[in-house]
Amino acid sequence: MQVKLAKTKKILWFLGLWCAGVVGLSVLSGLIKLLMYWAGLRG
């Protein structure tokens, strides 16, 4: 039972990390697009 719990915890941690990575990347790409758009307006 204890081993199963540890395995589940590991899977959940991995999923959380993956979700954070995906969200971080989409936010980052959105910011870059916004900056490029803003630079284009000013240029």
PDB file of N, CA and C in Angstrom:
ATOM      1  N   MET A   1       0.842  -1.198   0.000  1.00  0.00           N
ATOM      2  CA  MET A   1       0.000   0.000   0.000  1.00  0.00           C
ATOM      3  C   MET A   1       0.884   1.259   0.000  1.00  0.00           C
ATOM      4  N   GLN A   2       1.923   1.235   0.826  1.00  0.00           N
ATOM      5  CA  GLN A   2       2.808   2.393   0.944  1.00  0.00           C
ATOM      6  C   GLN A   2       3.539   2.665  -0.376  1.00  0.00           C
ATOM      7  N   VAL A   3       3.949   1.588  -1.041  1.00  0.00           N
ATOM      8  CA  VAL A   3       4.668   1.723  -2.315  1.00  0.00           C
ATOM      9  C   VAL A   3       3.747   2.320  -3.379  1.00  0.00           C
ATOM     10  N   LYS A   4       2.484   1.857  -3.388  1.00  0.00           N
ATOM     11  CA  LYS A   4       1.516   2.340  -4.361  1.00  0.00           C
ATOM     12  C   LYS A   4       1.279   3.844  -4.176  1.00  0.00           C
ATOM     13  N   LEU A   5       1.223   4.271  -2.932  1.00  0.00           N
ATOM     14  CA  LEU A   5       1.005   5.677  -2.610  1.00  0.00           C
ATOM     15  C   LEU A   5       2.164   6.525  -3.121  1.00  0.00           C
ATOM     16  N   ALA A   6       3.371   6.019  -2.910  1.00  0.00           N
ATOM     17  CA  ALA A   6       4.568   6.733  -3.356  1.00  0.00           C
ATOM     18  C   ALA A   6       4.586   6.856  -4.880  1.00  0.00           C
ATOM     19  N   LYS A   7       4.172   5.778  -5.554  1.00  0.00           N
ATOM     20  CA  LYS A   7       4.145   5.774  -7.014  1.00  0.00           C
ATOM     21  C   LYS A   7       3.121   6.787  -7.527  1.00  0.00           C
ATOM     22  N   THR A   8       1.944   6.793  -6.886  1.00  0.00           N
ATOM     23  CA  THR A   8       0.888   7.726  -7.271  1.00  0.00           C
ATOM     24  C   THR A   8       1.346   9.166  -7.063  1.00  0.00           C
ATOM     25  N   LYS A   9       2.044   9.398  -5.954  1.00  0.00           N
ATOM     26  CA  LYS A   9       2.553  10.729  -5.636  1.00  0.00           C
ATOM     27  C   LYS A   9       3.542  11.187  -6.708  1.00  0.00           C
ATOM     28  N   LYS A  10       4.392  10.248  -7.139  1.00  0.00           N
ATOM     29  CA  LYS A  10       5.396  10.544  -8.160  1.00  0.00           C
ATOM     30  C   LYS A  10       4.716  10.918  -9.478  1.00  0.00           C
ATOM     31  N   ILE A  11       3.685  10.155  -9.846  1.00  0.00           N
ATOM     32  CA  ILE A  11       2.946  10.408 -11.084  1.00  0.00           C
ATOM     33  C   ILE A  11       2.258  11.772 -11.027  1.00  0.00           C
ATOM     34  N   LEU A  12       1.628  12.071  -9.879  1.00  0.00           N
ATOM     35  CA  LEU A  12       0.957  13.359  -9.705  1.00  0.00           C
ATOM     36  C   LEU A  12       1.946  14.511  -9.774  1.00  0.00           C
ATOM     37  N   TRP A  13       3.112  14.328  -9.158  1.00  0.00           N
ATOM     38  CA  TRP A  13       4.162  15.347  -9.164  1.00  0.00           C
ATOM     39  C   TRP A  13       4.639  15.598 -10.587  1.00  0.00           C
ATOM     40  N   PHE A  14       4.823  14.504 -11.347  1.00  0.00           N
ATOM     41  CA  PHE A  14       5.259  14.602 -12.738  1.00  0.00           C
ATOM     42  C   PHE A  14       4.219  15.333 -13.581  1.00  0.00           C
ATOM     43  N   LEU A  15       2.942  14.988 -13.374  1.00  0.00           N
ATOM     44  CA  LEU A  15       1.856  15.644 -14.106  1.00  0.00           C
ATOM     45  C   LEU A  15       1.793  17.127 -13.779  1.00  0.00           C
ATOM     46  N   GLY A  16       1.949  17.454 -12.512  1.00  0.00           N
ATOM     47  CA  GLY A  16       1.938  18.851 -12.080  1.00  0.00           C
ATOM     48  C   GLY A  16       3.067  19.632 -12.710  1.00  0.00           C
ATOM     49  N   LEU A  17       4.237  19.014 -12.749  1.00  0.00           N
ATOM     50  CA  LEU A  17       5.414  19.642 -13.355  1.00  0.00           C
ATOM     51  C   LEU A  17       5.188  19.866 -14.848  1.00  0.00           C
ATOM     52  N   TRP A  18       4.611  18.865 -15.519  1.00  0.00           N
ATOM     53  CA  TRP A  18       4.333  18.944 -16.952  1.00  0.00           C
ATOM     54  C   TRP A  18       3.326  20.055 -17.239  1.00  0.00           C
ATOM     55  N   CYS A  19       2.265  20.116 -16.437  1.00  0.00           N
ATOM     56  CA  CYS A  19       1.249  21.163 -16.602  1.00  0.00           C
ATOM     57  C   CYS A  19       1.859  22.544 -16.403  1.00  0.00           C
ATOM     58  N   ALA A  20       2.693  22.688 -15.380  1.00  0.00           N
ATOM     59  CA  ALA A  20       3.359  23.962 -15.110  1.00  0.00           C
ATOM     60  C   ALA A  20       4.246  24.354 -16.288  1.00  0.00           C
ATOM     61  N   GLY A  21       4.924  23.379 -16.864  1.00  0.00           N
ATOM     62  CA  GLY A  21       5.783  23.635 -18.017  1.00  0.00           C
ATOM     63  C   GLY A  21       4.987  24.095 -19.223  1.00  0.00           C
ATOM     64  N   VAL A  22       3.868  23.428 -19.487  1.00  0.00           N
ATOM     65  CA  VAL A  22       3.012  23.782 -20.624  1.00  0.00           C
ATOM     66  C   VAL A  22       2.438  25.187 -20.449  1.00  0.00           C
ATOM     67  N   VAL A  23       1.930  25.477 -19.253  1.00  0.00           N
ATOM     68  CA  VAL A  23       1.368  26.797 -18.965  1.00  0.00           C
ATOM     69  C   VAL A  23       2.447  27.870 -19.085  1.00  0.00           C
ATOM     70  N   GLY A  24       3.614  27.578 -18.524  1.00  0.00           N
ATOM     71  CA  GLY A  24       4.732  28.522 -18.582  1.00  0.00           C
ATOM     72  C   GLY A  24       5.138  28.830 -20.011  1.00  0.00           C
ATOM     73  N   LEU A  25       5.192  27.797 -20.848  1.00  0.00           N
ATOM     74  CA  LEU A  25       5.580  27.985 -22.246  1.00  0.00           C
ATOM     75  C   LEU A  25       4.545  28.800 -23.008  1.00  0.00           C
ATOM     76  N   SER A  26       3.264  28.536 -22.789  1.00  0.00           N
ATOM     77  CA  SER A  26       2.225  29.287 -23.489  1.00  0.00           C
ATOM     78  C   SER A  26       2.207  30.746 -23.048  1.00  0.00           C
ATOM     79  N   VAL A  27       2.425  30.988 -21.756  1.00  0.00           N
ATOM     80  CA  VAL A  27       2.487  32.360 -21.244  1.00  0.00           C
ATOM     81  C   VAL A  27       3.694  33.080 -21.848  1.00  0.00           C
ATOM     82  N   LEU A  28       4.824  32.380 -21.900  1.00  0.00           N
ATOM     83  CA  LEU A  28       6.048  32.947 -22.447  1.00  0.00           C
ATOM     84  C   LEU A  28       5.880  33.290 -23.926  1.00  0.00           C
ATOM     85  N   SER A  29       5.300  32.394 -24.701  1.00  0.00           N
ATOM     86  CA  SER A  29       5.106  32.657 -26.125  1.00  0.00           C
ATOM     87  C   SER A  29       4.114  33.802 -26.328  1.00  0.00           C
ATOM     88  N   GLY A  30       3.109  33.874 -25.459  1.00  0.00           N
ATOM     89  CA  GLY A  30       2.150  34.973 -25.530  1.00  0.00           C
ATOM     90  C   GLY A  30       2.811  36.307 -25.244  1.00  0.00           C
ATOM     91  N   LEU A  31       3.697  36.333 -24.254  1.00  0.00           N
ATOM     92  CA  LEU A  31       4.430  37.554 -23.912  1.00  0.00           C
ATOM     93  C   LEU A  31       5.344  37.980 -25.052  1.00  0.00           C
ATOM     94  N   ILE A  32       6.020  37.016 -25.672  1.00  0.00           N
ATOM     95  CA  ILE A  32       6.916  37.311 -26.794  1.00  0.00           C
ATOM     96  C   ILE A  32       6.114  37.888 -27.961  1.00  0.00           C
ATOM     97  N   LYS A  33       4.959  37.301 -28.250  1.00  0.00           N
ATOM     98  CA  LYS A  33       4.101  37.808 -29.326  1.00  0.00           C
ATOM     99  C   LYS A  33       3.662  39.233 -29.025  1.00  0.00           C
ATOM    100  N   LEU A  34       3.285  39.473 -27.774  1.00  0.00           N
ATOM    101  CA  LEU A  34       2.846  40.799 -27.353  1.00  0.00           C
ATOM    102  C   LEU A  34       3.975  41.813 -27.502  1.00  0.00           C
ATOM    103  N   LEU A  35       5.179  41.436 -27.083  1.00  0.00           N
ATOM    104  CA  LEU A  35       6.348  42.315 -27.199  1.00  0.00           C
ATOM    105  C   LEU A  35       6.672  42.611 -28.654  1.00  0.00           C
ATOM    106  N   MET A  36       6.615  41.600 -29.517  1.00  0.00           N
ATOM    107  CA  MET A  36       6.903  41.786 -30.937  1.00  0.00           C
ATOM    108  C   MET A  36       5.851  42.689 -31.574  1.00  0.00           C
ATOM    109  N   TYR A  37       4.597  42.490 -31.196  1.00  0.00           N
ATOM    110  CA  TYR A  37       3.503  43.314 -31.700  1.00  0.00           C
ATOM    111  C   TYR A  37       3.692  44.769 -31.274  1.00  0.00           C
ATOM    112  N   TRP A  38       4.047  44.972 -29.997  1.00  0.00           N
ATOM    113  CA  TRP A  38       4.278  46.297 -29.438  1.00  0.00           C
ATOM    114  C   TRP A  38       5.467  46.972 -30.114  1.00  0.00           C
ATOM    115  N   ALA A  39       6.531  46.200 -30.329  1.00  0.00           N
ATOM    116  CA  ALA A  39       7.725  46.717 -31.007  1.00  0.00           C
ATOM    117  C   ALA A  39       7.379  47.089 -32.452  1.00  0.00           C
ATOM    118  N   GLY A  40       6.523  46.296 -33.077  1.00  0.00           N
ATOM    119  CA  GLY A  40       6.091  46.572 -34.449  1.00  0.00           C
ATOM    120  C   GLY A  40       5.284  47.859 -34.528  1.00  0.00           C
ATOM    121  N   LEU A  41       4.442  48.095 -33.529  1.00  0.00           N
ATOM    122  CA  LEU A  41       3.633  49.315 -33.495  1.00  0.00           C
ATOM    123  C   LEU A  41       4.514  50.545 -33.340  1.00  0.00           C
ATOM    124  N   ARG A  42       5.517  50.422 -32.476  1.00  0.00           N
ATOM    125  CA  ARG A  42       6.401  51.554 -32.205  1.00  0.00           C
ATOM    126  C   ARG A  42       7.367  51.809 -33.362  1.00  0.00           C
ATOM    127  N   GLY A  43       7.797  50.703 -34.021  1.00  0.00           N
ATOM    128  CA  GLY A  43       8.800  50.803 -35.074  1.00  0.00           C
ATOM    129  C   GLY A  43       8.234  51.484 -36.235  1.00  0.00           C
TER     130      GLY A  43
END
